Amino acid sequence: MNREEIISTVKEFLSEEFEVEKSIIEPQANLKETLDLDSLDYVDLVVVIEENFGFKVTGEDFVGVATFDDFYTLVEKKLAEKK
């Protein structure tokens, strides 16, 4: 899966799960603020990542993830490790 496919997939499930317009999911936008995430929402985020990409993430994986671009990089890295 290339980065464009990752971005497309992420936008799709985030817009559905967190009920936001895909158009506001921009690379430099703040993930937490844009999706209005609280600690329980992060649990939901972990679940949808596992369902959509088939790998596990932990709270430590989110250290340093501030923007959607950071999030896409995390997914890319985890998919590469999975191979």
PDB file of N, CA and C in Angstrom:
ATOM      1  N   MET A   1       0.855  -1.174   0.000  1.00  0.00           N
ATOM      2  CA  MET A   1       0.000   0.000   0.000  1.00  0.00           C
ATOM      3  C   MET A   1       0.903   1.240   0.000  1.00  0.00           C
ATOM      4  N   ASN A   2       0.700   2.110  -0.983  1.00  0.00           N
ATOM      5  CA  ASN A   2       1.518   3.321  -1.035  1.00  0.00           C
ATOM      6  C   ASN A   2       0.887   4.438  -0.199  1.00  0.00           C
ATOM      7  N   ARG A   3       1.606   5.540  -0.085  1.00  0.00           N
ATOM      8  CA  ARG A   3       1.155   6.637   0.792  1.00  0.00           C
ATOM      9  C   ARG A   3      -0.202   7.197   0.354  1.00  0.00           C
ATOM     10  N   GLU A   4      -0.426   7.330  -0.942  1.00  0.00           N
ATOM     11  CA  GLU A   4      -1.714   7.852  -1.415  1.00  0.00           C
ATOM     12  C   GLU A   4      -2.862   6.934  -1.016  1.00  0.00           C
ATOM     13  N   GLU A   5      -2.637   5.629  -1.098  1.00  0.00           N
ATOM     14  CA  GLU A   5      -3.666   4.664  -0.693  1.00  0.00           C
ATOM     15  C   GLU A   5      -3.901   4.726   0.819  1.00  0.00           C
ATOM     16  N   ILE A   6      -2.826   4.901   1.576  1.00  0.00           N
ATOM     17  CA  ILE A   6      -2.945   5.039   3.026  1.00  0.00           C
ATOM     18  C   ILE A   6      -3.779   6.270   3.358  1.00  0.00           C
ATOM     19  N   ILE A   7      -3.466   7.397   2.726  1.00  0.00           N
ATOM     20  CA  ILE A   7      -4.189   8.647   2.979  1.00  0.00           C
ATOM     21  C   ILE A   7      -5.671   8.489   2.651  1.00  0.00           C
ATOM     22  N   SER A   8      -5.956   7.895   1.522  1.00  0.00           N
ATOM     23  CA  SER A   8      -7.338   7.687   1.111  1.00  0.00           C
ATOM     24  C   SER A   8      -8.091   6.801   2.105  1.00  0.00           C
ATOM     25  N   THR A   9      -7.475   5.707   2.508  1.00  0.00           N
ATOM     26  CA  THR A   9      -8.095   4.787   3.461  1.00  0.00           C
ATOM     27  C   THR A   9      -8.311   5.460   4.806  1.00  0.00           C
ATOM     28  N   VAL A  10      -7.294   6.176   5.285  1.00  0.00           N
ATOM     29  CA  VAL A  10      -7.387   6.862   6.574  1.00  0.00           C
ATOM     30  C   VAL A  10      -8.507   7.898   6.550  1.00  0.00           C
ATOM     31  N   LYS A  11      -8.552   8.706   5.501  1.00  0.00           N
ATOM     32  CA  LYS A  11      -9.611   9.728   5.402  1.00  0.00           C
ATOM     33  C   LYS A  11     -10.988   9.078   5.433  1.00  0.00           C
ATOM     34  N   GLU A  12     -11.126   7.970   4.733  1.00  0.00           N
ATOM     35  CA  GLU A  12     -12.405   7.275   4.658  1.00  0.00           C
ATOM     36  C   GLU A  12     -12.865   6.814   6.045  1.00  0.00           C
ATOM     37  N   PHE A  13     -12.018   6.078   6.756  1.00  0.00           N
ATOM     38  CA  PHE A  13     -12.483   5.553   8.039  1.00  0.00           C
ATOM     39  C   PHE A  13     -12.539   6.616   9.133  1.00  0.00           C
ATOM     40  N   LEU A  14     -11.683   7.630   9.081  1.00  0.00           N
ATOM     41  CA  LEU A  14     -11.759   8.690  10.087  1.00  0.00           C
ATOM     42  C   LEU A  14     -13.015   9.535   9.903  1.00  0.00           C
ATOM     43  N   SER A  15     -13.370   9.814   8.654  1.00  0.00           N
ATOM     44  CA  SER A  15     -14.570  10.626   8.421  1.00  0.00           C
ATOM     45  C   SER A  15     -15.820   9.876   8.890  1.00  0.00           C
ATOM     46  N   GLU A  16     -15.834   8.553   8.705  1.00  0.00           N
ATOM     47  CA  GLU A  16     -16.978   7.763   9.162  1.00  0.00           C
ATOM     48  C   GLU A  16     -16.990   7.617  10.675  1.00  0.00           C
ATOM     49  N   GLU A  17     -15.865   7.219  11.239  1.00  0.00           N
ATOM     50  CA  GLU A  17     -15.782   6.939  12.673  1.00  0.00           C
ATOM     51  C   GLU A  17     -15.988   8.186  13.533  1.00  0.00           C
ATOM     52  N   PHE A  18     -15.412   9.300  13.111  1.00  0.00           N
ATOM     53  CA  PHE A  18     -15.454  10.515  13.928  1.00  0.00           C
ATOM     54  C   PHE A  18     -16.395  11.577  13.371  1.00  0.00           C
ATOM     55  N   GLU A  19     -17.149  11.211  12.334  1.00  0.00           N
ATOM     56  CA  GLU A  19     -18.178  12.066  11.752  1.00  0.00           C
ATOM     57  C   GLU A  19     -17.672  13.463  11.413  1.00  0.00           C
ATOM     58  N   VAL A  20     -16.602  13.497  10.615  1.00  0.00           N
ATOM     59  CA  VAL A  20     -16.057  14.765  10.130  1.00  0.00           C
ATOM     60  C   VAL A  20     -15.984  14.702   8.606  1.00  0.00           C
ATOM     61  N   GLU A  21     -15.968  15.871   7.996  1.00  0.00           N
ATOM     62  CA  GLU A  21     -15.828  15.953   6.546  1.00  0.00           C
ATOM     63  C   GLU A  21     -14.398  15.585   6.140  1.00  0.00           C
ATOM     64  N   LYS A  22     -14.272  14.821   5.080  1.00  0.00           N
ATOM     65  CA  LYS A  22     -12.940  14.446   4.585  1.00  0.00           C
ATOM     66  C   LYS A  22     -12.110  15.675   4.243  1.00  0.00           C
ATOM     67  N   SER A  23     -12.768  16.739   3.827  1.00  0.00           N
ATOM     68  CA  SER A  23     -12.054  17.938   3.382  1.00  0.00           C
ATOM     69  C   SER A  23     -11.264  18.622   4.505  1.00  0.00           C
ATOM     70  N   ILE A  24     -11.634  18.391   5.768  1.00  0.00           N
ATOM     71  CA  ILE A  24     -10.886  19.025   6.859  1.00  0.00           C
ATOM     72  C   ILE A  24      -9.690  18.186   7.301  1.00  0.00           C
ATOM     73  N   ILE A  25      -9.578  16.980   6.775  1.00  0.00           N
ATOM     74  CA  ILE A  25      -8.450  16.109   7.112  1.00  0.00           C
ATOM     75  C   ILE A  25      -7.302  16.455   6.167  1.00  0.00           C
ATOM     76  N   GLU A  26      -6.539  17.444   6.576  1.00  0.00           N
ATOM     77  CA  GLU A  26      -5.412  17.948   5.795  1.00  0.00           C
ATOM     78  C   GLU A  26      -4.097  17.505   6.432  1.00  0.00           C
ATOM     79  N   PRO A  27      -3.037  17.287   5.651  1.00  0.00           N
ATOM     80  CA  PRO A  27      -1.769  16.782   6.189  1.00  0.00           C
ATOM     81  C   PRO A  27      -1.215  17.556   7.378  1.00  0.00           C
ATOM     82  N   GLN A  28      -1.297  18.881   7.354  1.00  0.00           N
ATOM     83  CA  GLN A  28      -0.698  19.666   8.434  1.00  0.00           C
ATOM     84  C   GLN A  28      -1.680  20.008   9.560  1.00  0.00           C
ATOM     85  N   ALA A  29      -2.933  19.555   9.431  1.00  0.00           N
ATOM     86  CA  ALA A  29      -3.924  19.808  10.480  1.00  0.00           C
ATOM     87  C   ALA A  29      -3.605  18.969  11.715  1.00  0.00           C
ATOM     88  N   ASN A  30      -3.950  19.496  12.881  1.00  0.00           N
ATOM     89  CA  ASN A  30      -3.723  18.790  14.131  1.00  0.00           C
ATOM     90  C   ASN A  30      -4.750  17.655  14.265  1.00  0.00           C
ATOM     91  N   LEU A  31      -4.251  16.447  14.444  1.00  0.00           N
ATOM     92  CA  LEU A  31      -5.097  15.253  14.527  1.00  0.00           C
ATOM     93  C   LEU A  31      -6.086  15.348  15.683  1.00  0.00           C
ATOM     94  N   LYS A  32      -5.588  15.643  16.865  1.00  0.00           N
ATOM     95  CA  LYS A  32      -6.430  15.675  18.070  1.00  0.00           C
ATOM     96  C   LYS A  32      -7.503  16.757  17.975  1.00  0.00           C
ATOM     97  N   GLU A  33      -7.110  17.953  17.544  1.00  0.00           N
ATOM     98  CA  GLU A  33      -8.063  19.066  17.470  1.00  0.00           C
ATOM     99  C   GLU A  33      -9.079  18.871  16.352  1.00  0.00           C
ATOM    100  N   THR A  34      -8.623  18.433  15.196  1.00  0.00           N
ATOM    101  CA  THR A  34      -9.524  18.268  14.048  1.00  0.00           C
ATOM    102  C   THR A  34     -10.595  17.217  14.327  1.00  0.00           C
ATOM    103  N   LEU A  35     -10.189  16.119  14.961  1.00  0.00           N
ATOM    104  CA  LEU A  35     -11.132  15.040  15.254  1.00  0.00           C
ATOM    105  C   LEU A  35     -11.779  15.186  16.630  1.00  0.00           C
ATOM    106  N   ASP A  36     -11.358  16.206  17.392  1.00  0.00           N
ATOM    107  CA  ASP A  36     -11.865  16.454  18.740  1.00  0.00           C
ATOM    108  C   ASP A  36     -11.735  15.193  19.598  1.00  0.00           C
ATOM    109  N   LEU A  37     -10.509  14.657  19.652  1.00  0.00           N
ATOM    110  CA  LEU A  37     -10.251  13.396  20.339  1.00  0.00           C
ATOM    111  C   LEU A  37     -10.066  13.585  21.835  1.00  0.00           C
ATOM    112  N   ASP A  38     -10.699  12.692  22.592  1.00  0.00           N
ATOM    113  CA  ASP A  38     -10.394  12.584  24.015  1.00  0.00           C
ATOM    114  C   ASP A  38      -9.768  11.207  24.221  1.00  0.00           C
ATOM    115  N   SER A  39      -9.479  10.847  25.460  1.00  0.00           N
ATOM    116  CA  SER A  39      -8.766   9.591  25.699  1.00  0.00           C
ATOM    117  C   SER A  39      -9.558   8.374  25.216  1.00  0.00           C
ATOM    118  N   LEU A  40     -10.871   8.397  25.340  1.00  0.00           N
ATOM    119  CA  LEU A  40     -11.674   7.270  24.852  1.00  0.00           C
ATOM    120  C   LEU A  40     -11.676   7.199  23.331  1.00  0.00           C
ATOM    121  N   ASP A  41     -11.628   8.349  22.685  1.00  0.00           N
ATOM    122  CA  ASP A  41     -11.581   8.370  21.225  1.00  0.00           C
ATOM    123  C   ASP A  41     -10.302   7.725  20.707  1.00  0.00           C
ATOM    124  N   TYR A  42      -9.210   7.862  21.458  1.00  0.00           N
ATOM    125  CA  TYR A  42      -7.962   7.222  21.040  1.00  0.00           C
ATOM    126  C   TYR A  42      -8.107   5.704  21.042  1.00  0.00           C
ATOM    127  N   VAL A  43      -8.900   5.178  21.980  1.00  0.00           N
ATOM    128  CA  VAL A  43      -9.175   3.740  21.999  1.00  0.00           C
ATOM    129  C   VAL A  43      -9.912   3.355  20.717  1.00  0.00           C
ATOM    130  N   ASP A  44     -10.917   4.139  20.350  1.00  0.00           N
ATOM    131  CA  ASP A  44     -11.651   3.891  19.105  1.00  0.00           C
ATOM    132  C   ASP A  44     -10.715   3.963  17.902  1.00  0.00           C
ATOM    133  N   LEU A  45      -9.802   4.928  17.924  1.00  0.00           N
ATOM    134  CA  LEU A  45      -8.849   5.097  16.831  1.00  0.00           C
ATOM    135  C   LEU A  45      -7.964   3.868  16.698  1.00  0.00           C
ATOM    136  N   VAL A  46      -7.500   3.340  17.816  1.00  0.00           N
ATOM    137  CA  VAL A  46      -6.673   2.132  17.812  1.00  0.00           C
ATOM    138  C   VAL A  46      -7.449   0.968  17.192  1.00  0.00           C
ATOM    139  N   VAL A  47      -8.712   0.831  17.564  1.00  0.00           N
ATOM    140  CA  VAL A  47      -9.543  -0.260  17.043  1.00  0.00           C
ATOM    141  C   VAL A  47      -9.722  -0.141  15.527  1.00  0.00           C
ATOM    142  N   VAL A  48     -10.022   1.061  15.032  1.00  0.00           N
ATOM    143  CA  VAL A  48     -10.237   1.203  13.584  1.00  0.00           C
ATOM    144  C   VAL A  48      -8.938   1.025  12.805  1.00  0.00           C
ATOM    145  N   ILE A  49      -7.811   1.371  13.405  1.00  0.00           N
ATOM    146  CA  ILE A  49      -6.521   1.122  12.750  1.00  0.00           C
ATOM    147  C   ILE A  49      -6.311  -0.375  12.602  1.00  0.00           C
ATOM    148  N   GLU A  50      -6.552  -1.111  13.689  1.00  0.00           N
ATOM    149  CA  GLU A  50      -6.386  -2.566  13.647  1.00  0.00           C
ATOM    150  C   GLU A  50      -7.324  -3.199  12.627  1.00  0.00           C
ATOM    151  N   GLU A  51      -8.575  -2.733  12.586  1.00  0.00           N
ATOM    152  CA  GLU A  51      -9.555  -3.284  11.646  1.00  0.00           C
ATOM    153  C   GLU A  51      -9.186  -2.993  10.195  1.00  0.00           C
ATOM    154  N   ASN A  52      -8.679  -1.800   9.929  1.00  0.00           N
ATOM    155  CA  ASN A  52      -8.420  -1.386   8.552  1.00  0.00           C
ATOM    156  C   ASN A  52      -7.048  -1.776   8.024  1.00  0.00           C
ATOM    157  N   PHE A  53      -6.071  -1.887   8.920  1.00  0.00           N
ATOM    158  CA  PHE A  53      -4.713  -2.149   8.458  1.00  0.00           C
ATOM    159  C   PHE A  53      -4.120  -3.459   8.985  1.00  0.00           C
ATOM    160  N   GLY A  54      -4.746  -4.067   9.991  1.00  0.00           N
ATOM    161  CA  GLY A  54      -4.301  -5.363  10.467  1.00  0.00           C
ATOM    162  C   GLY A  54      -3.038  -5.357  11.309  1.00  0.00           C
ATOM    163  N   PHE A  55      -2.736  -4.246  11.962  1.00  0.00           N
ATOM    164  CA  PHE A  55      -1.615  -4.234  12.892  1.00  0.00           C
ATOM    165  C   PHE A  55      -2.038  -3.538  14.183  1.00  0.00           C
ATOM    166  N   LYS A  56      -1.316  -3.824  15.239  1.00  0.00           N
ATOM    167  CA  LYS A  56      -1.622  -3.246  16.546  1.00  0.00           C
ATOM    168  C   LYS A  56      -0.802  -1.977  16.769  1.00  0.00           C
ATOM    169  N   VAL A  57      -1.398  -1.021  17.454  1.00  0.00           N
ATOM    170  CA  VAL A  57      -0.692   0.191  17.862  1.00  0.00           C
ATOM    171  C   VAL A  57      -0.886   0.372  19.363  1.00  0.00           C
ATOM    172  N   THR A  58       0.043   1.065  19.971  1.00  0.00           N
ATOM    173  CA  THR A  58      -0.025   1.342  21.400  1.00  0.00           C
ATOM    174  C   THR A  58      -0.001   2.852  21.612  1.00  0.00           C
ATOM    175  N   GLY A  59      -0.214   3.255  22.837  1.00  0.00           N
ATOM    176  CA  GLY A  59      -0.132   4.674  23.171  1.00  0.00           C
ATOM    177  C   GLY A  59       1.240   5.240  22.848  1.00  0.00           C
ATOM    178  N   GLU A  60       2.274   4.431  23.051  1.00  0.00           N
ATOM    179  CA  GLU A  60       3.640   4.872  22.751  1.00  0.00           C
ATOM    180  C   GLU A  60       3.819   5.199  21.269  1.00  0.00           C
ATOM    181  N   ASP A  61       3.094   4.482  20.408  1.00  0.00           N
ATOM    182  CA  ASP A  61       3.188   4.744  18.970  1.00  0.00           C
ATOM    183  C   ASP A  61       2.727   6.157  18.628  1.00  0.00           C
ATOM    184  N   PHE A  62       1.849   6.717  19.455  1.00  0.00           N
ATOM    185  CA  PHE A  62       1.295   8.038  19.177  1.00  0.00           C
ATOM    186  C   PHE A  62       2.150   9.179  19.709  1.00  0.00           C
ATOM    187  N   VAL A  63       3.210   8.848  20.448  1.00  0.00           N
ATOM    188  CA  VAL A  63       4.118   9.891  20.922  1.00  0.00           C
ATOM    189  C   VAL A  63       4.753  10.546  19.698  1.00  0.00           C
ATOM    190  N   GLY A  64       4.631  11.837  19.598  1.00  0.00           N
ATOM    191  CA  GLY A  64       5.188  12.548  18.448  1.00  0.00           C
ATOM    192  C   GLY A  64       4.233  12.670  17.271  1.00  0.00           C
ATOM    193  N   VAL A  65       3.047  12.078  17.375  1.00  0.00           N
ATOM    194  CA  VAL A  65       2.057  12.197  16.310  1.00  0.00           C
ATOM    195  C   VAL A  65       1.152  13.378  16.640  1.00  0.00           C
ATOM    196  N   ALA A  66       1.332  14.459  15.904  1.00  0.00           N
ATOM    197  CA  ALA A  66       0.521  15.653  16.133  1.00  0.00           C
ATOM    198  C   ALA A  66      -0.385  15.944  14.938  1.00  0.00           C
ATOM    199  N   THR A  67       0.142  15.760  13.732  1.00  0.00           N
ATOM    200  CA  THR A  67      -0.612  16.094  12.514  1.00  0.00           C
ATOM    201  C   THR A  67      -1.055  14.818  11.798  1.00  0.00           C
ATOM    202  N   PHE A  68      -1.925  14.997  10.828  1.00  0.00           N
ATOM    203  CA  PHE A  68      -2.334  13.852  10.015  1.00  0.00           C
ATOM    204  C   PHE A  68      -1.140  13.293   9.246  1.00  0.00           C
ATOM    205  N   ASP A  69      -0.237  14.169   8.824  1.00  0.00           N
ATOM    206  CA  ASP A  69       0.962  13.706   8.129  1.00  0.00           C
ATOM    207  C   ASP A  69       1.781  12.780   9.033  1.00  0.00           C
ATOM    208  N   ASP A  70       1.916  13.143  10.307  1.00  0.00           N
ATOM    209  CA  ASP A  70       2.600  12.275  11.273  1.00  0.00           C
ATOM    210  C   ASP A  70       1.876  10.936  11.380  1.00  0.00           C
ATOM    211  N   PHE A  71       0.562  10.990  11.377  1.00  0.00           N
ATOM    212  CA  PHE A  71      -0.252   9.776  11.486  1.00  0.00           C
ATOM    213  C   PHE A  71      -0.038   8.878  10.256  1.00  0.00           C
ATOM    214  N   TYR A  72      -0.024   9.481   9.058  1.00  0.00           N
ATOM    215  CA  TYR A  72       0.216   8.697   7.842  1.00  0.00           C
ATOM    216  C   TYR A  72       1.588   8.033   7.894  1.00  0.00           C
ATOM    217  N   THR A  73       2.573   8.747   8.416  1.00  0.00           N
ATOM    218  CA  THR A  73       3.926   8.201   8.535  1.00  0.00           C
ATOM    219  C   THR A  73       3.935   7.017   9.499  1.00  0.00           C
ATOM    220  N   LEU A  74       3.204   7.125  10.602  1.00  0.00           N
ATOM    221  CA  LEU A  74       3.092   6.021  11.557  1.00  0.00           C
ATOM    222  C   LEU A  74       2.505   4.787  10.876  1.00  0.00           C
ATOM    223  N   VAL A  75       1.432   4.977  10.124  1.00  0.00           N
ATOM    224  CA  VAL A  75       0.794   3.854   9.431  1.00  0.00           C
ATOM    225  C   VAL A  75       1.760   3.238   8.426  1.00  0.00           C
ATOM    226  N   GLU A  76       2.445   4.082   7.663  1.00  0.00           N
ATOM    227  CA  GLU A  76       3.441   3.590   6.694  1.00  0.00           C
ATOM    228  C   GLU A  76       4.507   2.743   7.377  1.00  0.00           C
ATOM    229  N   LYS A  77       5.011   3.236   8.484  1.00  0.00           N
ATOM    230  CA  LYS A  77       6.066   2.542   9.225  1.00  0.00           C
ATOM    231  C   LYS A  77       5.562   1.197   9.729  1.00  0.00           C
ATOM    232  N   LYS A  78       4.375   1.175  10.312  1.00  0.00           N
ATOM    233  CA  LYS A  78       3.817  -0.056  10.850  1.00  0.00           C
ATOM    234  C   LYS A  78       3.524  -1.078   9.742  1.00  0.00           C
ATOM    235  N   LEU A  79       3.051  -0.606   8.600  1.00  0.00           N
ATOM    236  CA  LEU A  79       2.811  -1.520   7.480  1.00  0.00           C
ATOM    237  C   LEU A  79       4.119  -2.114   6.976  1.00  0.00           C
ATOM    238  N   ALA A  80       5.170  -1.314   6.947  1.00  0.00           N
ATOM    239  CA  ALA A  80       6.486  -1.816   6.506  1.00  0.00           C
ATOM    240  C   ALA A  80       7.019  -2.865   7.478  1.00  0.00           C
ATOM    241  N   GLU A  81       6.806  -2.656   8.775  1.00  0.00           N
ATOM    242  CA  GLU A  81       7.245  -3.627   9.793  1.00  0.00           C
ATOM    243  C   GLU A  81       6.478  -4.927   9.699  1.00  0.00           C
ATOM    244  N   LYS A  82       5.240  -4.840   9.249  1.00  0.00           N
ATOM    245  CA  LYS A  82       4.343  -5.996   9.167  1.00  0.00           C
ATOM    246  C   LYS A  82       4.774  -6.967   8.071  1.00  0.00           C
ATOM    247  N   LYS A  83       5.450  -6.458   7.054  1.00  0.00           N
ATOM    248  CA  LYS A  83       5.826  -7.286   5.905  1.00  0.00           C
ATOM    249  C   LYS A  83       6.829  -8.341   6.263  1.00  0.00           C
TER     250      LYS A  83
END
